[in-house]
Structure formats: C-alpha cells, structure tokens
Amino acid sequence: MRLCLIEPNLVRKIFQFFRAGYSYIEMHLIWTIKRNCEKFKCNSCMSPEVTATPVGSRDVTGLPMGKLKMSFTIIVHRLKCHNCGAYRMEKLDFLPNQKSHFTKSVACCAIDLRNEMTIKAVSEHLDLHWNTVKDIEKIYLKKKYSRIDLSEITAIGIDEVYIGRKGFLTVVRDLTKGAVLFIGNGKSGDSLAPFAKRLKSSACQISTVAVDMG
C-alpha cells in the first residue's frame, strides 16, 4: 500500500522535531521523530550550551486519522548543560506530563469526545486503555473545578456521605445552582477548614446554611 506521508509536526502540535523514519503495520502508522540538534536547551537554565546524548526511545500514542492509528517513536536524549551543570532528560512539551504515553492533542480530543461518547467508545477510537481515558477526565475535572468562584455564593448546604470502609466525605453545595463547591475527607469540623479559608478570602456574603450531618 502506498501512503501519502504528511508531516505530523504541525498537525499534532509537535514542534522542534523532525521525521527520522516511519513504518506501517496493518492500519497503524508509526512515525520515528527526534529533536533538531540546534533546538536542545537545558531544562533548568534554558541555556543552549548542552551536549545531547541519545539514550533510547519511547512510544507515544497520537491522534488517529480516520481508521488509521497513529503513534510516535521518539528518540530521547539526556542533556548535559555546560552552563549550570544540570544532567537531565530532555523535556517533551507535547506530552501532558513527562510520564504520559499519549500527546496533549489526544488528551484534549478525549475530553471533547466524552461529551458525546462513552469512556469505552473513546478508548477504542483513540487506542487507549479504559482507565487511561478515565484518568484523563479526572485530571481535567480536578483542574477545572479546583478553584470555583465563591464570590457570588449566598446559600450553601453541607451534608455527609458514607463511602463504605473509607469512611465519610463532607460535601458542600451551592443551594441556588446545585453545584458542588467542596468535598472534604471525614465528617468533623476540620474537614471544612480548607473551604472556610476559601470563603474568607472570597469575601462572599453567606445568608443561608443548611446542615444535614449526624
């Protein structure tokens, strides 16, 4: 089968890398990529005065093209900085974190697809494990709701939820909109301490508090 090869860099938001090769196996296109030599910089001081030593490769899942699976084999380097003396692995900015086996584009696509598809369907489409899609969504939701605006909150409800052997959770909701504002471990007053601190700094005017705790 003859493939029309396109450069993956701009499409997949992988910059400063070039294509070193590719392979095609049963509807799976694998790009081998490596960083341009002049683009290496120290992770600590950002100095370009580094020596890059290839130390192996790692496989990363990319966005599919229709039914064609896409992945990258990345030639990775360890960098020795002649300016600050740091000796570290190169940083791959197109990954959500340095231990991820999928690109940021894949993570964003998974979040977008979850609005219309089940976790199983998303995992099959993106060639990811079910738990990986679930973890992507958990990280996204944690980041999205970690700092909720409390300035206009006027009425809250506080309830305890039993979660089996793990004990209790204390849940605080906005009684006007029904949104969850805070979840604390345990059911003592100490579990609400972080939320109380946030309330104080937000300068909101709480007029109603409904409590249902044993």
C-alpha atoms as a PDB file:
ATOM      1  CA  MET A   1       0.000   0.000   0.000  1.00  0.00           C
ATOM      2  CA  ARG A   2       1.379   3.434  -0.950  1.00  0.00           C
ATOM      3  CA  LEU A   3       0.958   6.088   1.733  1.00  0.00           C
ATOM      4  CA  CYS A   4       0.721   9.796   1.223  1.00  0.00           C
ATOM      5  CA  LEU A   5       3.048  10.899   4.015  1.00  0.00           C
ATOM      6  CA  ILE A   6       2.253  14.180   5.710  1.00  0.00           C
ATOM      7  CA  GLU A   7       4.454  15.914   8.222  1.00  0.00           C
ATOM      8  CA  PRO A   8       2.953  15.209  11.667  1.00  0.00           C
ATOM      9  CA  ASN A   9       4.563  18.177  13.419  1.00  0.00           C
ATOM     10  CA  LEU A  10       2.022  20.934  12.720  1.00  0.00           C
ATOM     11  CA  VAL A  11      -1.000  18.626  12.753  1.00  0.00           C
ATOM     12  CA  ARG A  12      -0.070  17.074  16.090  1.00  0.00           C
ATOM     13  CA  LYS A  13       1.477  20.229  17.627  1.00  0.00           C
ATOM     14  CA  ILE A  14       4.879  18.577  17.929  1.00  0.00           C
ATOM     15  CA  PHE A  15       7.362  21.347  17.273  1.00  0.00           C
ATOM     16  CA  GLN A  16      11.184  21.341  17.047  1.00  0.00           C
ATOM     17  CA  PHE A  17      11.178  17.696  15.962  1.00  0.00           C
ATOM     18  CA  PHE A  18      11.731  16.183  12.551  1.00  0.00           C
ATOM     19  CA  ARG A  19      10.736  12.897  10.956  1.00  0.00           C
ATOM     20  CA  ALA A  20      13.561  10.352  11.083  1.00  0.00           C
ATOM     21  CA  GLY A  21      11.540   7.489   9.610  1.00  0.00           C
ATOM     22  CA  TYR A  22       8.247   5.653   9.621  1.00  0.00           C
ATOM     23  CA  SER A  23       6.681   2.210   9.450  1.00  0.00           C
ATOM     24  CA  TYR A  24       3.214   0.991   8.529  1.00  0.00           C
ATOM     25  CA  ILE A  25       1.693  -2.151  10.032  1.00  0.00           C
ATOM     26  CA  GLU A  26      -1.957  -3.098   9.485  1.00  0.00           C
ATOM     27  CA  MET A  27      -3.615   0.338   9.566  1.00  0.00           C
ATOM     28  CA  HIS A  28      -1.082   1.638  12.094  1.00  0.00           C
ATOM     29  CA  LEU A  29       1.309   4.394  11.051  1.00  0.00           C
ATOM     30  CA  ILE A  30       4.330   4.832  13.323  1.00  0.00           C
ATOM     31  CA  TRP A  31       6.476   7.955  12.963  1.00  0.00           C
ATOM     32  CA  THR A  32      10.039   7.958  14.303  1.00  0.00           C
ATOM     33  CA  ILE A  33      10.893  11.514  15.339  1.00  0.00           C
ATOM     34  CA  LYS A  34      13.798  13.285  17.029  1.00  0.00           C
ATOM     35  CA  ARG A  35      14.536  16.837  18.083  1.00  0.00           C
ATOM     36  CA  ASN A  36      16.516  19.153  15.829  1.00  0.00           C
ATOM     37  CA  CYS A  37      20.075  19.359  17.178  1.00  0.00           C
ATOM     38  CA  GLU A  38      20.045  23.167  17.367  1.00  0.00           C
ATOM     39  CA  LYS A  39      16.817  23.173  19.418  1.00  0.00           C
ATOM     40  CA  PHE A  40      18.188  21.499  22.545  1.00  0.00           C
ATOM     41  CA  LYS A  41      18.099  23.666  25.683  1.00  0.00           C
ATOM     42  CA  CYS A  42      18.807  22.975  29.346  1.00  0.00           C
ATOM     43  CA  ASN A  43      15.629  22.276  31.313  1.00  0.00           C
ATOM     44  CA  SER A  44      16.960  24.265  34.292  1.00  0.00           C
ATOM     45  CA  CYS A  45      18.603  27.422  32.920  1.00  0.00           C
ATOM     46  CA  MET A  46      17.389  27.257  29.286  1.00  0.00           C
ATOM     47  CA  SER A  47      20.946  27.582  28.018  1.00  0.00           C
ATOM     48  CA  PRO A  48      21.585  26.165  24.515  1.00  0.00           C
ATOM     49  CA  GLU A  49      25.105  25.158  25.616  1.00  0.00           C
ATOM     50  CA  VAL A  50      24.307  21.487  26.126  1.00  0.00           C
ATOM     51  CA  THR A  51      25.565  18.112  24.989  1.00  0.00           C
ATOM     52  CA  ALA A  52      22.708  15.789  23.952  1.00  0.00           C
ATOM     53  CA  THR A  53      23.283  12.053  24.227  1.00  0.00           C
ATOM     54  CA  PRO A  54      20.666   9.654  22.779  1.00  0.00           C
ATOM     55  CA  VAL A  55      19.689   7.129  25.448  1.00  0.00           C
ATOM     56  CA  GLY A  56      16.830   5.202  23.824  1.00  0.00           C
ATOM     57  CA  SER A  57      13.315   5.680  22.560  1.00  0.00           C
ATOM     58  CA  ARG A  58       9.744   5.735  23.827  1.00  0.00           C
ATOM     59  CA  ASP A  59       6.402   5.102  22.145  1.00  0.00           C
ATOM     60  CA  VAL A  60       3.601   7.668  22.353  1.00  0.00           C
ATOM     61  CA  THR A  61       0.034   7.450  21.024  1.00  0.00           C
ATOM     62  CA  GLY A  62      -1.053  10.231  18.663  1.00  0.00           C
ATOM     63  CA  LEU A  63      -4.403  11.240  17.193  1.00  0.00           C
ATOM     64  CA  PRO A  64      -5.851   8.748  14.692  1.00  0.00           C
ATOM     65  CA  MET A  65      -6.548   9.736  11.092  1.00  0.00           C
ATOM     66  CA  GLY A  66      -9.953   8.182  10.499  1.00  0.00           C
ATOM     67  CA  LYS A  67      -9.431   4.449  10.977  1.00  0.00           C
ATOM     68  CA  LEU A  68      -5.656   4.806  10.669  1.00  0.00           C
ATOM     69  CA  LYS A  69      -3.946   4.573  14.055  1.00  0.00           C
ATOM     70  CA  MET A  70      -1.083   6.994  14.634  1.00  0.00           C
ATOM     71  CA  SER A  71       1.795   6.767  17.095  1.00  0.00           C
ATOM     72  CA  PHE A  72       5.283   8.166  17.549  1.00  0.00           C
ATOM     73  CA  THR A  73       8.579   6.535  18.422  1.00  0.00           C
ATOM     74  CA  ILE A  74      10.579   9.366  19.994  1.00  0.00           C
ATOM     75  CA  ILE A  75      14.363   9.271  20.138  1.00  0.00           C
ATOM     76  CA  VAL A  76      15.049  10.676  23.615  1.00  0.00           C
ATOM     77  CA  HIS A  77      18.235  12.333  24.870  1.00  0.00           C
ATOM     78  CA  ARG A  78      19.928  13.091  28.147  1.00  0.00           C
ATOM     79  CA  LEU A  79      21.232  16.667  28.302  1.00  0.00           C
ATOM     80  CA  LYS A  80      24.471  17.786  29.955  1.00  0.00           C
ATOM     81  CA  CYS A  81      24.438  21.548  30.500  1.00  0.00           C
ATOM     82  CA  HIS A  82      27.803  23.311  30.282  1.00  0.00           C
ATOM     83  CA  ASN A  83      26.340  26.444  31.873  1.00  0.00           C
ATOM     84  CA  CYS A  84      24.714  25.221  35.110  1.00  0.00           C
ATOM     85  CA  GLY A  85      25.949  21.627  35.217  1.00  0.00           C
ATOM     86  CA  ALA A  86      22.492  20.026  35.123  1.00  0.00           C
ATOM     87  CA  TYR A  87      22.291  16.493  33.735  1.00  0.00           C
ATOM     88  CA  ARG A  88      18.706  15.604  32.883  1.00  0.00           C
ATOM     89  CA  MET A  89      16.445  14.002  30.309  1.00  0.00           C
ATOM     90  CA  GLU A  90      15.103  16.329  27.643  1.00  0.00           C
ATOM     91  CA  LYS A  91      11.607  17.683  28.280  1.00  0.00           C
ATOM     92  CA  LEU A  92       8.855  16.686  25.846  1.00  0.00           C
ATOM     93  CA  ASP A  93       6.478  19.655  25.861  1.00  0.00           C
ATOM     94  CA  PHE A  94       3.840  17.979  23.695  1.00  0.00           C
ATOM     95  CA  LEU A  95       3.017  15.443  26.449  1.00  0.00           C
ATOM     96  CA  PRO A  96       0.588  16.212  29.310  1.00  0.00           C
ATOM     97  CA  ASN A  97       3.369  15.154  31.685  1.00  0.00           C
ATOM     98  CA  GLN A  98       6.749  13.555  31.176  1.00  0.00           C
ATOM     99  CA  LYS A  99       5.463  10.060  32.028  1.00  0.00           C
ATOM    100  CA  SER A 100       2.484  10.170  29.642  1.00  0.00           C
ATOM    101  CA  HIS A 101       2.294   7.719  26.742  1.00  0.00           C
ATOM    102  CA  PHE A 102      -0.071   9.945  24.703  1.00  0.00           C
ATOM    103  CA  THR A 103       0.119  13.514  23.386  1.00  0.00           C
ATOM    104  CA  LYS A 104      -1.683  16.605  24.663  1.00  0.00           C
ATOM    105  CA  SER A 105      -3.757  16.556  21.473  1.00  0.00           C
ATOM    106  CA  VAL A 106      -5.006  13.062  22.350  1.00  0.00           C
ATOM    107  CA  ALA A 107      -5.932  14.190  25.873  1.00  0.00           C
ATOM    108  CA  CYS A 108      -7.851  17.213  24.520  1.00  0.00           C
ATOM    109  CA  CYS A 109      -9.632  15.039  21.971  1.00  0.00           C
ATOM    110  CA  ALA A 110     -10.631  12.542  24.680  1.00  0.00           C
ATOM    111  CA  ILE A 111     -12.223  15.331  26.740  1.00  0.00           C
ATOM    112  CA  ASP A 112     -14.111  16.671  23.719  1.00  0.00           C
ATOM    113  CA  LEU A 113     -15.376  13.215  22.714  1.00  0.00           C
ATOM    114  CA  ARG A 114     -16.566  12.418  26.242  1.00  0.00           C
ATOM    115  CA  ASN A 115     -19.377  14.948  25.749  1.00  0.00           C
ATOM    116  CA  GLU A 116     -20.899  12.614  23.154  1.00  0.00           C
ATOM    117  CA  MET A 117     -19.351   9.165  23.711  1.00  0.00           C
ATOM    118  CA  THR A 118     -18.846   6.618  26.488  1.00  0.00           C
ATOM    119  CA  ILE A 119     -15.425   6.003  28.024  1.00  0.00           C
ATOM    120  CA  LYS A 120     -15.286   2.633  26.249  1.00  0.00           C
ATOM    121  CA  ALA A 121     -16.046   4.185  22.850  1.00  0.00           C
ATOM    122  CA  VAL A 122     -13.443   6.915  23.353  1.00  0.00           C
ATOM    123  CA  SER A 123     -10.794   4.415  24.447  1.00  0.00           C
ATOM    124  CA  GLU A 124     -11.413   2.254  21.371  1.00  0.00           C
ATOM    125  CA  HIS A 125     -11.330   5.229  18.996  1.00  0.00           C
ATOM    126  CA  LEU A 126      -8.104   6.676  20.440  1.00  0.00           C
ATOM    127  CA  ASP A 127      -6.462   3.296  21.077  1.00  0.00           C
ATOM    128  CA  LEU A 128      -6.141   3.959  24.809  1.00  0.00           C
ATOM    129  CA  HIS A 129      -6.917   1.818  27.836  1.00  0.00           C
ATOM    130  CA  TRP A 130     -10.287   2.438  29.500  1.00  0.00           C
ATOM    131  CA  ASN A 131      -8.547   3.519  32.714  1.00  0.00           C
ATOM    132  CA  THR A 132      -6.366   5.965  30.794  1.00  0.00           C
ATOM    133  CA  VAL A 133      -9.415   7.802  29.407  1.00  0.00           C
ATOM    134  CA  LYS A 134     -10.952   7.850  32.863  1.00  0.00           C
ATOM    135  CA  ASP A 135      -7.754   9.298  34.368  1.00  0.00           C
ATOM    136  CA  ILE A 136      -7.591  11.977  31.640  1.00  0.00           C
ATOM    137  CA  GLU A 137     -11.136  13.040  32.512  1.00  0.00           C
ATOM    138  CA  LYS A 138     -10.445  13.005  36.259  1.00  0.00           C
ATOM    139  CA  ILE A 139      -7.398  15.259  35.841  1.00  0.00           C
ATOM    140  CA  TYR A 140      -9.392  17.625  33.620  1.00  0.00           C
ATOM    141  CA  LEU A 141     -12.298  17.861  36.074  1.00  0.00           C
ATOM    142  CA  LYS A 142      -9.982  18.314  39.051  1.00  0.00           C
ATOM    143  CA  LYS A 143      -8.235  21.187  37.306  1.00  0.00           C
ATOM    144  CA  LYS A 144     -11.494  22.739  36.109  1.00  0.00           C
ATOM    145  CA  TYR A 145     -13.191  22.705  39.494  1.00  0.00           C
ATOM    146  CA  SER A 146     -10.202  23.128  41.809  1.00  0.00           C
ATOM    147  CA  ARG A 147     -10.785  26.888  42.020  1.00  0.00           C
ATOM    148  CA  ILE A 148     -14.510  27.626  41.901  1.00  0.00           C
ATOM    149  CA  ASP A 149     -15.568  31.280  42.146  1.00  0.00           C
ATOM    150  CA  LEU A 150     -17.288  31.709  45.508  1.00  0.00           C
ATOM    151  CA  SER A 151     -17.766  35.479  45.401  1.00  0.00           C
ATOM    152  CA  GLU A 152     -21.466  35.317  44.480  1.00  0.00           C
ATOM    153  CA  ILE A 153     -22.444  32.356  46.701  1.00  0.00           C
ATOM    154  CA  THR A 154     -25.211  33.246  49.180  1.00  0.00           C
ATOM    155  CA  ALA A 155     -26.666  29.894  50.264  1.00  0.00           C
ATOM    156  CA  ILE A 156     -24.853  26.611  50.908  1.00  0.00           C
ATOM    157  CA  GLY A 157     -25.809  23.119  52.019  1.00  0.00           C
ATOM    158  CA  ILE A 158     -23.481  20.828  53.979  1.00  0.00           C
ATOM    159  CA  ASP A 159     -24.003  17.084  54.004  1.00  0.00           C
ATOM    160  CA  GLU A 160     -22.038  13.960  54.905  1.00  0.00           C
ATOM    161  CA  VAL A 161     -21.778  10.976  52.584  1.00  0.00           C
ATOM    162  CA  TYR A 162     -20.813   7.486  53.748  1.00  0.00           C
ATOM    163  CA  ILE A 163     -18.435   5.766  51.302  1.00  0.00           C
ATOM    164  CA  GLY A 164     -18.041   2.391  52.985  1.00  0.00           C
ATOM    165  CA  ARG A 165     -14.808   1.330  54.655  1.00  0.00           C
ATOM    166  CA  LYS A 166     -13.110   4.541  53.596  1.00  0.00           C
ATOM    167  CA  GLY A 167     -15.363   6.489  55.972  1.00  0.00           C
ATOM    168  CA  PHE A 168     -17.167   9.722  55.202  1.00  0.00           C
ATOM    169  CA  LEU A 169     -16.972  12.692  52.872  1.00  0.00           C
ATOM    170  CA  THR A 170     -18.278  16.150  53.677  1.00  0.00           C
ATOM    171  CA  VAL A 171     -19.949  17.750  50.654  1.00  0.00           C
ATOM    172  CA  VAL A 172     -20.742  21.457  50.313  1.00  0.00           C
ATOM    173  CA  ARG A 173     -23.200  22.552  47.615  1.00  0.00           C
ATOM    174  CA  ASP A 174     -24.477  25.818  46.254  1.00  0.00           C
ATOM    175  CA  LEU A 175     -28.177  25.672  47.159  1.00  0.00           C
ATOM    176  CA  THR A 176     -29.069  28.098  44.374  1.00  0.00           C
ATOM    177  CA  LYS A 177     -27.473  26.248  41.452  1.00  0.00           C
ATOM    178  CA  GLY A 178     -26.935  22.808  42.971  1.00  0.00           C
ATOM    179  CA  ALA A 179     -23.223  22.819  42.082  1.00  0.00           C
ATOM    180  CA  VAL A 180     -20.708  21.046  44.312  1.00  0.00           C
ATOM    181  CA  LEU A 181     -18.397  23.644  45.854  1.00  0.00           C
ATOM    182  CA  PHE A 182     -16.175  21.476  48.035  1.00  0.00           C
ATOM    183  CA  ILE A 183     -15.558  17.867  49.078  1.00  0.00           C
ATOM    184  CA  GLY A 184     -13.597  17.157  52.248  1.00  0.00           C
ATOM    185  CA  ASN A 185     -12.384  13.917  53.809  1.00  0.00           C
ATOM    186  CA  GLY A 186     -14.115  12.924  57.051  1.00  0.00           C
ATOM    187  CA  LYS A 187     -17.114  14.423  58.784  1.00  0.00           C
ATOM    188  CA  SER A 188     -15.554  16.537  61.520  1.00  0.00           C
ATOM    189  CA  GLY A 189     -15.309  20.282  61.532  1.00  0.00           C
ATOM    190  CA  ASP A 190     -11.676  20.012  60.465  1.00  0.00           C
ATOM    191  CA  SER A 191     -12.775  18.624  57.102  1.00  0.00           C
ATOM    192  CA  LEU A 192     -14.303  22.034  56.291  1.00  0.00           C
ATOM    193  CA  ALA A 193     -11.212  24.064  57.262  1.00  0.00           C
ATOM    194  CA  PRO A 194      -9.887  24.459  53.661  1.00  0.00           C
ATOM    195  CA  PHE A 195     -13.338  25.541  52.448  1.00  0.00           C
ATOM    196  CA  ALA A 196     -13.726  28.022  55.311  1.00  0.00           C
ATOM    197  CA  LYS A 197     -10.395  29.568  54.348  1.00  0.00           C
ATOM    198  CA  ARG A 198     -11.542  29.957  50.742  1.00  0.00           C
ATOM    199  CA  LEU A 199     -14.839  31.525  51.869  1.00  0.00           C
ATOM    200  CA  LYS A 200     -12.987  34.083  53.936  1.00  0.00           C
ATOM    201  CA  SER A 201     -10.675  35.086  51.096  1.00  0.00           C
ATOM    202  CA  SER A 202     -13.581  35.319  48.609  1.00  0.00           C
ATOM    203  CA  ALA A 203     -15.432  37.917  50.707  1.00  0.00           C
ATOM    204  CA  CYS A 204     -18.785  36.347  49.805  1.00  0.00           C
ATOM    205  CA  GLN A 205     -21.941  37.062  51.814  1.00  0.00           C
ATOM    206  CA  ILE A 206     -23.454  33.760  53.039  1.00  0.00           C
ATOM    207  CA  SER A 207     -27.025  34.306  54.215  1.00  0.00           C
ATOM    208  CA  THR A 208     -28.215  30.672  54.412  1.00  0.00           C
ATOM    209  CA  VAL A 209     -26.511  27.481  55.593  1.00  0.00           C
ATOM    210  CA  ALA A 210     -28.384  24.156  55.586  1.00  0.00           C
ATOM    211  CA  VAL A 211     -26.695  21.327  57.515  1.00  0.00           C
ATOM    212  CA  ASP A 212     -27.607  17.620  57.500  1.00  0.00           C
ATOM    213  CA  MET A 213     -24.886  15.870  59.485  1.00  0.00           C
ATOM    214  CA  GLY A 214     -25.053  13.221  62.183  1.00  0.00           C
END
